[in-house]
Amino acid sequence: MKWIAFAVGFLLVADGMRVFAFHKILVGAVVLYISGYTKRIYLTEEGVVREVGSWIRRNHTVLDWNEIQHVGLAKKGSKMMAFFEKDVTGWKVLFNTEDEPRLREILSTFAPNVEVGIVGNQ
């Protein structure tokens, strides 16, 4: 999808420059910018990392293991959502259901005092 968006954006900008159509250049530039957007959430030794980036810059936000108060797991089919609670808010991270033992192992290693609960009728 990213490559298709990049190609469409590039063609819109090029065509807009060819016919001097500002609206095509603007839409093409926005599509080019969006084609470079990335969002990743992963677990590290420091905590849960949210990485958001574009062609221009990247932003890393870390939810430290010490800040996590509770982890709620909700399963549906082959997917599992983990909600890492911090105060009243938190971060939602999507996993595959078969990753639950590995997730529990990581939590017991890096956040042994955090309670892990199952949400819903499991």
N, C-alpha and C. Protein backbone atom coordinates (compact mmCIF):
# COMPACT_ATOMS: atom_id res chain seq x y z
N MET A 1 0.82 -1.19 0.00
CA MET A 1 0.00 0.00 0.00
C MET A 1 0.86 1.26 0.00
N LYS A 2 1.98 1.20 0.74
CA LYS A 2 2.82 2.39 0.81
C LYS A 2 3.38 2.75 -0.56
N TRP A 3 3.79 1.73 -1.30
CA TRP A 3 4.38 2.00 -2.61
C TRP A 3 3.33 2.52 -3.59
N ILE A 4 2.12 2.01 -3.48
CA ILE A 4 1.04 2.51 -4.34
C ILE A 4 0.72 3.96 -4.00
N ALA A 5 0.64 4.26 -2.70
CA ALA A 5 0.38 5.65 -2.28
C ALA A 5 1.52 6.57 -2.73
N PHE A 6 2.74 6.08 -2.62
CA PHE A 6 3.88 6.88 -3.07
C PHE A 6 3.79 7.17 -4.56
N ALA A 7 3.47 6.13 -5.35
CA ALA A 7 3.38 6.30 -6.81
C ALA A 7 2.25 7.26 -7.18
N VAL A 8 1.09 7.11 -6.52
CA VAL A 8 -0.05 7.99 -6.81
C VAL A 8 0.30 9.43 -6.44
N GLY A 9 0.91 9.62 -5.28
CA GLY A 9 1.29 10.96 -4.86
C GLY A 9 2.30 11.59 -5.80
N PHE A 10 3.28 10.80 -6.20
CA PHE A 10 4.30 11.30 -7.12
C PHE A 10 3.67 11.70 -8.46
N LEU A 11 2.78 10.83 -8.98
CA LEU A 11 2.13 11.14 -10.25
C LEU A 11 1.23 12.38 -10.15
N LEU A 12 0.54 12.54 -9.02
CA LEU A 12 -0.30 13.73 -8.84
C LEU A 12 0.55 15.00 -8.79
N VAL A 13 1.67 14.96 -8.08
CA VAL A 13 2.54 16.13 -8.01
C VAL A 13 3.12 16.43 -9.39
N ALA A 14 3.58 15.39 -10.08
CA ALA A 14 4.18 15.60 -11.41
C ALA A 14 3.14 16.15 -12.39
N ASP A 15 1.93 15.60 -12.39
CA ASP A 15 0.90 16.08 -13.29
C ASP A 15 0.46 17.49 -12.91
N GLY A 16 0.38 17.77 -11.61
CA GLY A 16 0.02 19.11 -11.16
C GLY A 16 1.05 20.14 -11.58
N MET A 17 2.32 19.77 -11.56
CA MET A 17 3.37 20.69 -12.00
C MET A 17 3.34 20.87 -13.52
N ARG A 18 2.95 19.82 -14.22
CA ARG A 18 2.90 19.89 -15.68
C ARG A 18 1.82 20.85 -16.16
N VAL A 19 0.65 20.82 -15.50
CA VAL A 19 -0.47 21.65 -15.94
C VAL A 19 -0.68 22.85 -15.01
N PHE A 20 0.22 23.07 -14.08
CA PHE A 20 0.15 24.17 -13.11
C PHE A 20 -1.16 24.17 -12.33
N ALA A 21 -1.53 22.99 -11.81
CA ALA A 21 -2.76 22.84 -11.01
C ALA A 21 -2.35 22.68 -9.54
N PHE A 22 -2.56 23.74 -8.78
CA PHE A 22 -2.14 23.76 -7.38
C PHE A 22 -2.83 22.66 -6.56
N HIS A 23 -4.11 22.42 -6.83
CA HIS A 23 -4.84 21.42 -6.05
C HIS A 23 -4.25 20.01 -6.24
N LYS A 24 -3.79 19.68 -7.45
CA LYS A 24 -3.17 18.37 -7.67
C LYS A 24 -1.83 18.28 -6.94
N ILE A 25 -1.09 19.36 -6.95
CA ILE A 25 0.20 19.37 -6.25
C ILE A 25 -0.02 19.20 -4.75
N LEU A 26 -1.00 19.91 -4.21
CA LEU A 26 -1.29 19.82 -2.77
C LEU A 26 -1.75 18.42 -2.38
N VAL A 27 -2.70 17.86 -3.12
CA VAL A 27 -3.18 16.51 -2.81
C VAL A 27 -2.06 15.49 -2.99
N GLY A 28 -1.28 15.63 -4.03
CA GLY A 28 -0.15 14.71 -4.25
C GLY A 28 0.88 14.79 -3.14
N ALA A 29 1.16 16.00 -2.66
CA ALA A 29 2.13 16.16 -1.56
C ALA A 29 1.61 15.51 -0.28
N VAL A 30 0.31 15.65 -0.01
CA VAL A 30 -0.27 15.03 1.17
C VAL A 30 -0.21 13.50 1.06
N VAL A 31 -0.53 12.97 -0.11
CA VAL A 31 -0.47 11.51 -0.31
C VAL A 31 0.98 11.02 -0.19
N LEU A 32 1.94 11.77 -0.70
CA LEU A 32 3.35 11.41 -0.55
C LEU A 32 3.75 11.37 0.92
N TYR A 33 3.32 12.38 1.67
CA TYR A 33 3.65 12.44 3.09
C TYR A 33 3.03 11.25 3.83
N ILE A 34 1.76 10.94 3.54
CA ILE A 34 1.07 9.84 4.20
C ILE A 34 1.73 8.49 3.86
N SER A 35 2.27 8.36 2.66
CA SER A 35 2.90 7.09 2.27
C SER A 35 4.13 6.78 3.12
N GLY A 36 4.70 7.78 3.75
CA GLY A 36 5.86 7.57 4.60
C GLY A 36 5.53 7.40 6.06
N TYR A 37 4.24 7.40 6.43
CA TYR A 37 3.82 7.29 7.83
C TYR A 37 3.97 5.86 8.32
N THR A 38 4.58 5.70 9.48
CA THR A 38 4.71 4.38 10.10
C THR A 38 4.36 4.48 11.58
N LYS A 39 3.82 3.39 12.12
CA LYS A 39 3.52 3.31 13.54
C LYS A 39 3.83 1.89 13.98
N ARG A 40 4.69 1.78 14.98
CA ARG A 40 5.06 0.48 15.53
C ARG A 40 4.97 0.54 17.04
N ILE A 41 4.50 -0.53 17.65
CA ILE A 41 4.49 -0.66 19.10
C ILE A 41 5.15 -1.99 19.42
N TYR A 42 6.15 -1.95 20.29
CA TYR A 42 6.88 -3.17 20.62
C TYR A 42 7.39 -3.11 22.05
N LEU A 43 7.80 -4.28 22.56
CA LEU A 43 8.28 -4.41 23.93
C LEU A 43 9.80 -4.47 23.93
N THR A 44 10.42 -3.71 24.84
CA THR A 44 11.88 -3.73 25.00
C THR A 44 12.20 -3.88 26.48
N GLU A 45 13.48 -3.86 26.80
CA GLU A 45 13.90 -3.93 28.20
C GLU A 45 13.49 -2.68 28.97
N GLU A 46 13.34 -1.54 28.29
CA GLU A 46 12.94 -0.31 28.95
C GLU A 46 11.44 -0.27 29.23
N GLY A 47 10.65 -0.90 28.38
CA GLY A 47 9.20 -0.89 28.55
C GLY A 47 8.52 -1.08 27.21
N VAL A 48 7.31 -0.54 27.11
CA VAL A 48 6.54 -0.60 25.87
C VAL A 48 6.89 0.65 25.07
N VAL A 49 7.32 0.46 23.82
CA VAL A 49 7.77 1.57 22.99
C VAL A 49 6.77 1.81 21.87
N ARG A 50 6.36 3.07 21.72
CA ARG A 50 5.52 3.48 20.60
C ARG A 50 6.38 4.35 19.70
N GLU A 51 6.54 3.91 18.46
CA GLU A 51 7.36 4.62 17.49
C GLU A 51 6.47 5.09 16.35
N VAL A 52 6.38 6.39 16.18
CA VAL A 52 5.58 6.99 15.12
C VAL A 52 6.53 7.80 14.26
N GLY A 53 6.46 7.59 12.95
CA GLY A 53 7.39 8.29 12.08
C GLY A 53 6.80 8.63 10.74
N SER A 54 7.52 9.49 10.05
CA SER A 54 7.16 9.89 8.69
C SER A 54 8.46 10.06 7.93
N TRP A 55 8.36 10.60 6.73
CA TRP A 55 9.56 10.85 5.94
C TRP A 55 10.47 11.86 6.64
N ILE A 56 9.89 12.75 7.41
CA ILE A 56 10.64 13.87 7.97
C ILE A 56 11.25 13.55 9.33
N ARG A 57 10.47 12.95 10.24
CA ARG A 57 11.00 12.70 11.58
C ARG A 57 10.37 11.48 12.21
N ARG A 58 10.99 11.02 13.30
CA ARG A 58 10.50 9.89 14.07
C ARG A 58 10.35 10.32 15.52
N ASN A 59 9.35 9.76 16.19
CA ASN A 59 9.10 10.06 17.58
C ASN A 59 8.99 8.75 18.35
N HIS A 60 9.77 8.61 19.40
CA HIS A 60 9.75 7.42 20.26
C HIS A 60 9.18 7.83 21.62
N THR A 61 8.17 7.10 22.07
CA THR A 61 7.62 7.30 23.40
C THR A 61 7.71 5.96 24.13
N VAL A 62 8.22 6.00 25.35
CA VAL A 62 8.41 4.77 26.12
C VAL A 62 7.52 4.80 27.35
N LEU A 63 6.74 3.74 27.52
CA LEU A 63 5.98 3.52 28.75
C LEU A 63 6.82 2.57 29.59
N ASP A 64 7.48 3.12 30.60
CA ASP A 64 8.42 2.37 31.42
C ASP A 64 7.71 1.26 32.19
N TRP A 65 8.42 0.16 32.40
CA TRP A 65 7.83 -0.97 33.13
C TRP A 65 7.40 -0.54 34.53
N ASN A 66 8.12 0.41 35.15
CA ASN A 66 7.77 0.86 36.50
C ASN A 66 6.46 1.65 36.53
N GLU A 67 6.05 2.24 35.41
CA GLU A 67 4.84 3.04 35.36
C GLU A 67 3.58 2.20 35.14
N ILE A 68 3.74 0.96 34.69
CA ILE A 68 2.60 0.09 34.40
C ILE A 68 2.05 -0.46 35.71
N GLN A 69 0.73 -0.27 35.92
CA GLN A 69 0.10 -0.71 37.16
C GLN A 69 -0.67 -2.01 36.98
N HIS A 70 -1.20 -2.26 35.79
CA HIS A 70 -2.00 -3.45 35.55
C HIS A 70 -2.00 -3.75 34.06
N VAL A 71 -2.09 -5.02 33.71
CA VAL A 71 -2.20 -5.42 32.30
C VAL A 71 -3.47 -6.24 32.15
N GLY A 72 -4.33 -5.81 31.26
CA GLY A 72 -5.56 -6.53 30.97
C GLY A 72 -5.48 -7.18 29.60
N LEU A 73 -5.80 -8.46 29.53
CA LEU A 73 -5.77 -9.20 28.27
C LEU A 73 -7.18 -9.52 27.82
N ALA A 74 -7.48 -9.22 26.59
CA ALA A 74 -8.79 -9.54 26.01
C ALA A 74 -8.56 -10.32 24.73
N LYS A 75 -9.18 -11.49 24.64
CA LYS A 75 -8.99 -12.36 23.47
C LYS A 75 -10.24 -12.41 22.62
N LYS A 76 -10.03 -12.46 21.32
CA LYS A 76 -11.13 -12.67 20.38
C LYS A 76 -10.56 -13.39 19.17
N GLY A 77 -10.96 -14.62 18.99
CA GLY A 77 -10.44 -15.42 17.88
C GLY A 77 -8.95 -15.65 18.03
N SER A 78 -8.20 -15.34 16.99
CA SER A 78 -6.75 -15.55 17.03
C SER A 78 -6.00 -14.30 17.48
N LYS A 79 -6.71 -13.26 17.89
CA LYS A 79 -6.08 -12.01 18.31
C LYS A 79 -6.26 -11.80 19.81
N MET A 80 -5.32 -11.08 20.39
CA MET A 80 -5.37 -10.76 21.80
C MET A 80 -4.92 -9.31 21.96
N MET A 81 -5.71 -8.53 22.67
CA MET A 81 -5.36 -7.15 22.94
C MET A 81 -4.88 -7.05 24.38
N ALA A 82 -3.71 -6.45 24.56
CA ALA A 82 -3.18 -6.22 25.90
C ALA A 82 -3.29 -4.73 26.19
N PHE A 83 -3.92 -4.39 27.32
CA PHE A 83 -4.06 -3.00 27.73
C PHE A 83 -3.11 -2.77 28.89
N PHE A 84 -2.06 -1.98 28.66
CA PHE A 84 -1.08 -1.66 29.68
C PHE A 84 -1.55 -0.39 30.39
N GLU A 85 -2.06 -0.55 31.63
CA GLU A 85 -2.63 0.58 32.37
C GLU A 85 -1.55 1.40 33.05
N LYS A 86 -1.69 2.71 32.90
CA LYS A 86 -0.84 3.68 33.60
C LYS A 86 -1.80 4.72 34.16
N ASP A 87 -1.94 4.78 35.48
CA ASP A 87 -2.91 5.67 36.12
C ASP A 87 -4.31 5.35 35.59
N VAL A 88 -4.97 6.32 34.98
CA VAL A 88 -6.32 6.11 34.45
C VAL A 88 -6.27 5.71 32.98
N THR A 89 -5.21 6.11 32.30
CA THR A 89 -5.07 5.82 30.87
C THR A 89 -4.13 4.64 30.66
N GLY A 90 -3.83 4.36 29.42
CA GLY A 90 -2.89 3.29 29.10
C GLY A 90 -2.73 3.13 27.61
N TRP A 91 -2.01 2.08 27.25
CA TRP A 91 -1.75 1.79 25.84
C TRP A 91 -2.33 0.44 25.48
N LYS A 92 -2.95 0.36 24.30
CA LYS A 92 -3.46 -0.90 23.78
C LYS A 92 -2.46 -1.44 22.76
N VAL A 93 -2.13 -2.72 22.89
CA VAL A 93 -1.20 -3.37 21.97
C VAL A 93 -1.84 -4.68 21.51
N LEU A 94 -1.83 -4.92 20.20
CA LEU A 94 -2.44 -6.11 19.63
C LEU A 94 -1.39 -7.21 19.45
N PHE A 95 -1.72 -8.41 19.90
CA PHE A 95 -0.87 -9.59 19.76
C PHE A 95 -1.68 -10.72 19.15
N ASN A 96 -1.00 -11.76 18.73
CA ASN A 96 -1.66 -13.01 18.37
C ASN A 96 -1.88 -13.81 19.65
N THR A 97 -2.94 -14.62 19.69
CA THR A 97 -3.26 -15.38 20.90
C THR A 97 -2.13 -16.33 21.29
N GLU A 98 -1.44 -16.88 20.30
CA GLU A 98 -0.36 -17.81 20.64
C GLU A 98 0.85 -17.13 21.27
N ASP A 99 0.87 -15.78 21.29
CA ASP A 99 1.97 -15.04 21.92
C ASP A 99 1.76 -14.83 23.41
N GLU A 100 0.63 -15.29 23.96
CA GLU A 100 0.34 -15.05 25.38
C GLU A 100 1.40 -15.63 26.32
N PRO A 101 1.87 -16.88 26.15
CA PRO A 101 2.89 -17.38 27.07
C PRO A 101 4.18 -16.53 27.03
N ARG A 102 4.57 -16.11 25.85
CA ARG A 102 5.78 -15.28 25.73
C ARG A 102 5.56 -13.91 26.38
N LEU A 103 4.37 -13.33 26.21
CA LEU A 103 4.06 -12.05 26.83
C LEU A 103 4.09 -12.16 28.35
N ARG A 104 3.49 -13.23 28.87
CA ARG A 104 3.50 -13.43 30.33
C ARG A 104 4.92 -13.62 30.85
N GLU A 105 5.77 -14.30 30.07
CA GLU A 105 7.17 -14.49 30.46
C GLU A 105 7.90 -13.14 30.49
N ILE A 106 7.67 -12.30 29.49
CA ILE A 106 8.29 -10.98 29.45
C ILE A 106 7.83 -10.13 30.63
N LEU A 107 6.52 -10.17 30.92
CA LEU A 107 5.99 -9.41 32.04
C LEU A 107 6.55 -9.90 33.37
N SER A 108 6.70 -11.21 33.54
CA SER A 108 7.25 -11.71 34.80
C SER A 108 8.73 -11.36 34.95
N THR A 109 9.43 -11.17 33.83
CA THR A 109 10.85 -10.80 33.89
C THR A 109 11.03 -9.32 34.18
N PHE A 110 10.34 -8.46 33.43
CA PHE A 110 10.58 -7.02 33.51
C PHE A 110 9.62 -6.28 34.45
N ALA A 111 8.46 -6.83 34.71
CA ALA A 111 7.48 -6.20 35.60
C ALA A 111 6.85 -7.26 36.49
N PRO A 112 7.62 -7.82 37.42
CA PRO A 112 7.11 -8.94 38.21
C PRO A 112 5.98 -8.56 39.17
N ASN A 113 5.86 -7.30 39.56
CA ASN A 113 4.83 -6.89 40.51
C ASN A 113 3.53 -6.46 39.85
N VAL A 114 3.48 -6.51 38.53
CA VAL A 114 2.28 -6.08 37.80
C VAL A 114 1.30 -7.23 37.70
N GLU A 115 0.04 -6.94 38.05
CA GLU A 115 -1.01 -7.95 37.97
C GLU A 115 -1.50 -8.06 36.53
N VAL A 116 -1.66 -9.30 36.05
CA VAL A 116 -2.16 -9.56 34.71
C VAL A 116 -3.53 -10.18 34.85
N GLY A 117 -4.54 -9.54 34.24
CA GLY A 117 -5.91 -10.04 34.34
C GLY A 117 -6.50 -10.32 32.97
N ILE A 118 -7.50 -11.19 32.95
CA ILE A 118 -8.23 -11.51 31.72
C ILE A 118 -9.53 -10.73 31.72
N VAL A 119 -9.81 -10.02 30.63
CA VAL A 119 -11.01 -9.22 30.51
C VAL A 119 -12.06 -10.01 29.75
N GLY A 120 -13.30 -10.01 30.21
CA GLY A 120 -14.39 -10.68 29.52
C GLY A 120 -14.53 -12.13 29.92
N ASN A 121 -15.40 -12.84 29.23
CA ASN A 121 -15.65 -14.26 29.50
C ASN A 121 -14.68 -15.10 28.70
N GLN A 122 -13.69 -15.59 29.34
CA GLN A 122 -12.65 -16.37 28.65
C GLN A 122 -12.73 -17.81 29.08
